[in-house]
């Protein structure tokens, strides 16, 4: 019998790691992390805000224009 954790993994296995939802406070945290770590350190930025690195990079490009905010 599969656990609820196994079910979660199966449901999310195909998720696009280039996309994540960002609440207003997470968007602010992302902008601050970009300022602190520079836009070329997406793995560190992602860890700082708790989102996939590629999702942070994509969100920054789409919402902040120049990712080096």
PDB file of N, CA and C in Angstrom:
ATOM      1  N   UNK A   1       0.842  -1.185   0.000  1.00  0.00           N
ATOM      2  CA  UNK A   1       0.000   0.000   0.000  1.00  0.00           C
ATOM      3  C   UNK A   1       0.889   1.251   0.000  1.00  0.00           C
ATOM      4  N   UNK A   2       0.576   2.185  -0.868  1.00  0.00           N
ATOM      5  CA  UNK A   2       1.363   3.414  -0.986  1.00  0.00           C
ATOM      6  C   UNK A   2       0.997   4.386   0.130  1.00  0.00           C
ATOM      7  N   UNK A   3       2.000   5.031   0.657  1.00  0.00           N
ATOM      8  CA  UNK A   3       1.764   6.043   1.685  1.00  0.00           C
ATOM      9  C   UNK A   3       1.351   7.350   1.029  1.00  0.00           C
ATOM     10  N   UNK A   4       0.892   8.295   1.834  1.00  0.00           N
ATOM     11  CA  UNK A   4       0.528   9.607   1.290  1.00  0.00           C
ATOM     12  C   UNK A   4       1.758  10.306   0.730  1.00  0.00           C
ATOM     13  N   UNK A   5       2.930  10.028   1.304  1.00  0.00           N
ATOM     14  CA  UNK A   5       4.166  10.611   0.781  1.00  0.00           C
ATOM     15  C   UNK A   5       4.445  10.085  -0.622  1.00  0.00           C
ATOM     16  N   UNK A   6       4.271   8.765  -0.826  1.00  0.00           N
ATOM     17  CA  UNK A   6       4.455   8.181  -2.156  1.00  0.00           C
ATOM     18  C   UNK A   6       3.494   8.818  -3.146  1.00  0.00           C
ATOM     19  N   UNK A   7       2.272   9.038  -2.724  1.00  0.00           N
ATOM     20  CA  UNK A   7       1.264   9.670  -3.581  1.00  0.00           C
ATOM     21  C   UNK A   7       1.700  11.087  -3.946  1.00  0.00           C
ATOM     22  N   UNK A   8       2.229  11.824  -2.995  1.00  0.00           N
ATOM     23  CA  UNK A   8       2.706  13.187  -3.250  1.00  0.00           C
ATOM     24  C   UNK A   8       3.825  13.164  -4.286  1.00  0.00           C
ATOM     25  N   UNK A   9       4.764  12.250  -4.128  1.00  0.00           N
ATOM     26  CA  UNK A   9       5.872  12.165  -5.082  1.00  0.00           C
ATOM     27  C   UNK A   9       5.352  11.840  -6.476  1.00  0.00           C
ATOM     28  N   UNK A  10       4.441  10.902  -6.586  1.00  0.00           N
ATOM     29  CA  UNK A  10       3.892  10.540  -7.894  1.00  0.00           C
ATOM     30  C   UNK A  10       3.166  11.715  -8.531  1.00  0.00           C
ATOM     31  N   UNK A  11       2.414  12.452  -7.760  1.00  0.00           N
ATOM     32  CA  UNK A  11       1.676  13.593  -8.301  1.00  0.00           C
ATOM     33  C   UNK A  11       2.613  14.709  -8.747  1.00  0.00           C
ATOM     34  N   UNK A  12       3.717  14.881  -8.049  1.00  0.00           N
ATOM     35  CA  UNK A  12       4.609  15.999  -8.320  1.00  0.00           C
ATOM     36  C   UNK A  12       5.852  15.624  -9.122  1.00  0.00           C
ATOM     37  N   UNK A  13       5.960  14.377  -9.514  1.00  0.00           N
ATOM     38  CA  UNK A  13       7.152  13.926 -10.230  1.00  0.00           C
ATOM     39  C   UNK A  13       7.334  14.643 -11.556  1.00  0.00           C
ATOM     40  N   UNK A  14       6.242  15.014 -12.209  1.00  0.00           N
ATOM     41  CA  UNK A  14       6.348  15.656 -13.501  1.00  0.00           C
ATOM     42  C   UNK A  14       6.287  17.164 -13.449  1.00  0.00           C
ATOM     43  N   UNK A  15       6.346  17.746 -12.274  1.00  0.00           N
ATOM     44  CA  UNK A  15       6.252  19.199 -12.165  1.00  0.00           C
ATOM     45  C   UNK A  15       7.406  19.881 -12.872  1.00  0.00           C
ATOM     46  N   UNK A  16       7.121  20.994 -13.471  1.00  0.00           N
ATOM     47  CA  UNK A  16       8.133  21.804 -14.136  1.00  0.00           C
ATOM     48  C   UNK A  16       8.902  22.575 -13.076  1.00  0.00           C
ATOM     49  N   UNK A  17      10.186  22.308 -12.963  1.00  0.00           N
ATOM     50  CA  UNK A  17      11.003  22.974 -11.952  1.00  0.00           C
ATOM     51  C   UNK A  17      11.336  24.409 -12.351  1.00  0.00           C
ATOM     52  N   UNK A  18      10.846  24.837 -13.515  1.00  0.00           N
ATOM     53  CA  UNK A  18      11.040  26.215 -13.941  1.00  0.00           C
ATOM     54  C   UNK A  18       9.890  27.098 -13.470  1.00  0.00           C
ATOM     55  N   UNK A  19       8.916  26.510 -12.774  1.00  0.00           N
ATOM     56  CA  UNK A  19       7.742  27.263 -12.360  1.00  0.00           C
ATOM     57  C   UNK A  19       7.461  27.024 -10.887  1.00  0.00           C
ATOM     58  N   UNK A  20       7.122  28.077 -10.198  1.00  0.00           N
ATOM     59  CA  UNK A  20       6.671  27.986  -8.809  1.00  0.00           C
ATOM     60  C   UNK A  20       5.813  29.205  -8.522  1.00  0.00           C
ATOM     61  N   UNK A  21       4.860  29.038  -7.643  1.00  0.00           N
ATOM     62  CA  UNK A  21       4.045  30.169  -7.198  1.00  0.00           C
ATOM     63  C   UNK A  21       4.861  30.979  -6.193  1.00  0.00           C
ATOM     64  N   UNK A  22       4.778  32.288  -6.286  1.00  0.00           N
ATOM     65  CA  UNK A  22       5.464  33.173  -5.347  1.00  0.00           C
ATOM     66  C   UNK A  22       4.434  34.120  -4.737  1.00  0.00           C
ATOM     67  N   UNK A  23       4.285  34.066  -3.419  1.00  0.00           N
ATOM     68  CA  UNK A  23       3.444  35.028  -2.706  1.00  0.00           C
ATOM     69  C   UNK A  23       4.212  36.350  -2.651  1.00  0.00           C
ATOM     70  N   UNK A  24       3.536  37.414  -2.265  1.00  0.00           N
ATOM     71  CA  UNK A  24       4.166  38.742  -2.218  1.00  0.00           C
ATOM     72  C   UNK A  24       5.415  38.741  -1.336  1.00  0.00           C
ATOM     73  N   UNK A  25       5.337  38.109  -0.166  1.00  0.00           N
ATOM     74  CA  UNK A  25       6.504  38.087   0.722  1.00  0.00           C
ATOM     75  C   UNK A  25       7.639  37.251   0.138  1.00  0.00           C
ATOM     76  N   UNK A  26       7.302  36.199  -0.612  1.00  0.00           N
ATOM     77  CA  UNK A  26       8.329  35.387  -1.254  1.00  0.00           C
ATOM     78  C   UNK A  26       8.988  36.147  -2.405  1.00  0.00           C
ATOM     79  N   UNK A  27       8.198  36.943  -3.102  1.00  0.00           N
ATOM     80  CA  UNK A  27       8.734  37.777  -4.174  1.00  0.00           C
ATOM     81  C   UNK A  27       9.730  38.786  -3.608  1.00  0.00           C
ATOM     82  N   UNK A  28       9.374  39.380  -2.484  1.00  0.00           N
ATOM     83  CA  UNK A  28      10.270  40.326  -1.815  1.00  0.00           C
ATOM     84  C   UNK A  28      11.538  39.616  -1.354  1.00  0.00           C
ATOM     85  N   UNK A  29      11.388  38.429  -0.772  1.00  0.00           N
ATOM     86  CA  UNK A  29      12.551  37.661  -0.320  1.00  0.00           C
ATOM     87  C   UNK A  29      13.446  37.295  -1.500  1.00  0.00           C
ATOM     88  N   UNK A  30      12.840  36.973  -2.631  1.00  0.00           N
ATOM     89  CA  UNK A  30      13.613  36.653  -3.827  1.00  0.00           C
ATOM     90  C   UNK A  30      14.413  37.862  -4.289  1.00  0.00           C
ATOM     91  N   UNK A  31      13.774  39.008  -4.335  1.00  0.00           N
ATOM     92  CA  UNK A  31      14.459  40.233  -4.761  1.00  0.00           C
ATOM     93  C   UNK A  31      15.641  40.536  -3.823  1.00  0.00           C
ATOM     94  N   UNK A  32      15.437  40.379  -2.524  1.00  0.00           N
ATOM     95  CA  UNK A  32      16.510  40.627  -1.555  1.00  0.00           C
ATOM     96  C   UNK A  32      17.650  39.619  -1.717  1.00  0.00           C
ATOM     97  N   UNK A  33      17.302  38.352  -1.958  1.00  0.00           N
ATOM     98  CA  UNK A  33      18.336  37.332  -2.151  1.00  0.00           C
ATOM     99  C   UNK A  33      19.146  37.610  -3.411  1.00  0.00           C
ATOM    100  N   UNK A  34      18.488  38.092  -4.463  1.00  0.00           N
ATOM    101  CA  UNK A  34      19.197  38.446  -5.697  1.00  0.00           C
ATOM    102  C   UNK A  34      20.186  39.570  -5.414  1.00  0.00           C
ATOM    103  N   UNK A  35      19.760  40.557  -4.646  1.00  0.00           N
ATOM    104  CA  UNK A  35      20.664  41.660  -4.295  1.00  0.00           C
ATOM    105  C   UNK A  35      21.850  41.158  -3.479  1.00  0.00           C
ATOM    106  N   UNK A  36      21.572  40.239  -2.555  1.00  0.00           N
ATOM    107  CA  UNK A  36      22.617  39.742  -1.662  1.00  0.00           C
ATOM    108  C   UNK A  36      23.591  38.799  -2.363  1.00  0.00           C
ATOM    109  N   UNK A  37      23.079  37.917  -3.200  1.00  0.00           N
ATOM    110  CA  UNK A  37      23.913  36.865  -3.785  1.00  0.00           C
ATOM    111  C   UNK A  37      24.226  37.051  -5.262  1.00  0.00           C
ATOM    112  N   UNK A  38      23.702  38.074  -5.883  1.00  0.00           N
ATOM    113  CA  UNK A  38      23.862  38.326  -7.309  1.00  0.00           C
ATOM    114  C   UNK A  38      23.057  37.294  -8.105  1.00  0.00           C
ATOM    115  N   UNK A  39      22.645  37.681  -9.272  1.00  0.00           N
ATOM    116  CA  UNK A  39      21.733  36.860 -10.062  1.00  0.00           C
ATOM    117  C   UNK A  39      22.380  35.617 -10.658  1.00  0.00           C
ATOM    118  N   UNK A  40      23.681  35.472 -10.581  1.00  0.00           N
ATOM    119  CA  UNK A  40      24.307  34.287 -11.161  1.00  0.00           C
ATOM    120  C   UNK A  40      24.432  33.138 -10.168  1.00  0.00           C
ATOM    121  N   UNK A  41      23.882  33.281  -8.988  1.00  0.00           N
ATOM    122  CA  UNK A  41      23.967  32.243  -7.961  1.00  0.00           C
ATOM    123  C   UNK A  41      22.569  31.713  -7.645  1.00  0.00           C
ATOM    124  N   UNK A  42      21.895  31.193  -8.666  1.00  0.00           N
ATOM    125  CA  UNK A  42      20.496  30.796  -8.527  1.00  0.00           C
ATOM    126  C   UNK A  42      20.293  29.645  -7.556  1.00  0.00           C
ATOM    127  N   UNK A  43      21.240  28.727  -7.461  1.00  0.00           N
ATOM    128  CA  UNK A  43      21.088  27.613  -6.521  1.00  0.00           C
ATOM    129  C   UNK A  43      21.036  28.130  -5.087  1.00  0.00           C
ATOM    130  N   UNK A  44      21.929  29.041  -4.752  1.00  0.00           N
ATOM    131  CA  UNK A  44      21.965  29.633  -3.408  1.00  0.00           C
ATOM    132  C   UNK A  44      20.706  30.460  -3.172  1.00  0.00           C
ATOM    133  N   UNK A  45      20.306  31.230  -4.165  1.00  0.00           N
ATOM    134  CA  UNK A  45      19.097  32.054  -4.054  1.00  0.00           C
ATOM    135  C   UNK A  45      17.883  31.162  -3.832  1.00  0.00           C
ATOM    136  N   UNK A  46      17.779  30.083  -4.599  1.00  0.00           N
ATOM    137  CA  UNK A  46      16.666  29.147  -4.440  1.00  0.00           C
ATOM    138  C   UNK A  46      16.614  28.550  -3.049  1.00  0.00           C
ATOM    139  N   UNK A  47      17.769  28.172  -2.517  1.00  0.00           N
ATOM    140  CA  UNK A  47      17.820  27.629  -1.160  1.00  0.00           C
ATOM    141  C   UNK A  47      17.390  28.679  -0.142  1.00  0.00           C
ATOM    142  N   UNK A  48      17.800  29.912  -0.354  1.00  0.00           N
ATOM    143  CA  UNK A  48      17.471  31.006   0.567  1.00  0.00           C
ATOM    144  C   UNK A  48      15.964  31.242   0.637  1.00  0.00           C
ATOM    145  N   UNK A  49      15.278  31.171  -0.513  1.00  0.00           N
ATOM    146  CA  UNK A  49      13.838  31.455  -0.533  1.00  0.00           C
ATOM    147  C   UNK A  49      12.979  30.189  -0.538  1.00  0.00           C
ATOM    148  N   UNK A  50      13.607  29.020  -0.581  1.00  0.00           N
ATOM    149  CA  UNK A  50      12.863  27.765  -0.515  1.00  0.00           C
ATOM    150  C   UNK A  50      12.129  27.403  -1.793  1.00  0.00           C
ATOM    151  N   UNK A  51      12.697  27.767  -2.922  1.00  0.00           N
ATOM    152  CA  UNK A  51      12.103  27.471  -4.233  1.00  0.00           C
ATOM    153  C   UNK A  51      13.185  26.891  -5.137  1.00  0.00           C
ATOM    154  N   UNK A  52      12.783  26.166  -6.187  1.00  0.00           N
ATOM    155  CA  UNK A  52      13.788  25.662  -7.133  1.00  0.00           C
ATOM    156  C   UNK A  52      14.563  26.807  -7.785  1.00  0.00           C
ATOM    157  N   UNK A  53      15.847  26.598  -7.998  1.00  0.00           N
ATOM    158  CA  UNK A  53      16.708  27.628  -8.585  1.00  0.00           C
ATOM    159  C   UNK A  53      16.177  28.113  -9.927  1.00  0.00           C
ATOM    160  N   UNK A  54      15.783  27.190 -10.787  1.00  0.00           N
ATOM    161  CA  UNK A  54      15.287  27.568 -12.119  1.00  0.00           C
ATOM    162  C   UNK A  54      14.000  28.374 -12.014  1.00  0.00           C
ATOM    163  N   UNK A  55      13.153  28.038 -11.047  1.00  0.00           N
ATOM    164  CA  UNK A  55      11.908  28.788 -10.862  1.00  0.00           C
ATOM    165  C   UNK A  55      12.215  30.213 -10.412  1.00  0.00           C
ATOM    166  N   UNK A  56      13.199  30.366  -9.540  1.00  0.00           N
ATOM    167  CA  UNK A  56      13.593  31.709  -9.089  1.00  0.00           C
ATOM    168  C   UNK A  56      14.118  32.532 -10.254  1.00  0.00           C
ATOM    169  N   UNK A  57      14.967  31.918 -11.055  1.00  0.00           N
ATOM    170  CA  UNK A  57      15.540  32.621 -12.202  1.00  0.00           C
ATOM    171  C   UNK A  57      14.449  33.040 -13.183  1.00  0.00           C
ATOM    172  N   UNK A  58      13.533  32.121 -13.484  1.00  0.00           N
ATOM    173  CA  UNK A  58      12.452  32.421 -14.421  1.00  0.00           C
ATOM    174  C   UNK A  58      11.531  33.503 -13.868  1.00  0.00           C
ATOM    175  N   UNK A  59      11.166  33.398 -12.594  1.00  0.00           N
ATOM    176  CA  UNK A  59      10.286  34.390 -11.973  1.00  0.00           C
ATOM    177  C   UNK A  59      10.935  35.770 -12.001  1.00  0.00           C
ATOM    178  N   UNK A  60      12.222  35.830 -11.673  1.00  0.00           N
ATOM    179  CA  UNK A  60      12.930  37.111 -11.668  1.00  0.00           C
ATOM    180  C   UNK A  60      12.934  37.734 -13.057  1.00  0.00           C
ATOM    181  N   UNK A  61      13.188  36.937 -14.071  1.00  0.00           N
ATOM    182  CA  UNK A  61      13.207  37.449 -15.443  1.00  0.00           C
ATOM    183  C   UNK A  61      11.838  37.974 -15.857  1.00  0.00           C
ATOM    184  N   UNK A  62      10.781  37.253 -15.454  1.00  0.00           N
ATOM    185  CA  UNK A  62       9.423  37.639 -15.843  1.00  0.00           C
ATOM    186  C   UNK A  62       8.876  38.812 -15.043  1.00  0.00           C
ATOM    187  N   UNK A  63       9.241  38.913 -13.767  1.00  0.00           N
ATOM    188  CA  UNK A  63       8.627  39.913 -12.895  1.00  0.00           C
ATOM    189  C   UNK A  63       9.514  41.107 -12.552  1.00  0.00           C
ATOM    190  N   UNK A  64      10.812  40.928 -12.637  1.00  0.00           N
ATOM    191  CA  UNK A  64      11.715  42.014 -12.281  1.00  0.00           C
ATOM    192  C   UNK A  64      12.433  42.583 -13.496  1.00  0.00           C
ATOM    193  N   UNK A  65      12.123  42.073 -14.678  1.00  0.00           N
ATOM    194  CA  UNK A  65      12.812  42.534 -15.881  1.00  0.00           C
ATOM    195  C   UNK A  65      14.247  42.080 -15.859  1.00  0.00           C
ATOM    196  N   UNK A  66      15.128  42.960 -15.517  1.00  0.00           N
ATOM    197  CA  UNK A  66      16.532  42.616 -15.372  1.00  0.00           C
ATOM    198  C   UNK A  66      16.685  41.842 -14.072  1.00  0.00           C
ATOM    199  N   UNK A  67      17.166  40.630 -14.140  1.00  0.00           N
ATOM    200  CA  UNK A  67      17.288  39.776 -12.952  1.00  0.00           C
ATOM    201  C   UNK A  67      18.266  40.331 -11.927  1.00  0.00           C
ATOM    202  N   UNK A  68      19.086  41.268 -12.304  1.00  0.00           N
ATOM    203  CA  UNK A  68      20.038  41.873 -11.361  1.00  0.00           C
ATOM    204  C   UNK A  68      19.410  43.069 -10.664  1.00  0.00           C
ATOM    205  N   UNK A  69      18.259  42.897 -10.031  1.00  0.00           N
ATOM    206  CA  UNK A  69      17.505  44.001  -9.441  1.00  0.00           C
ATOM    207  C   UNK A  69      18.270  44.716  -8.374  1.00  0.00           C
TER     208      UNK A  69
END
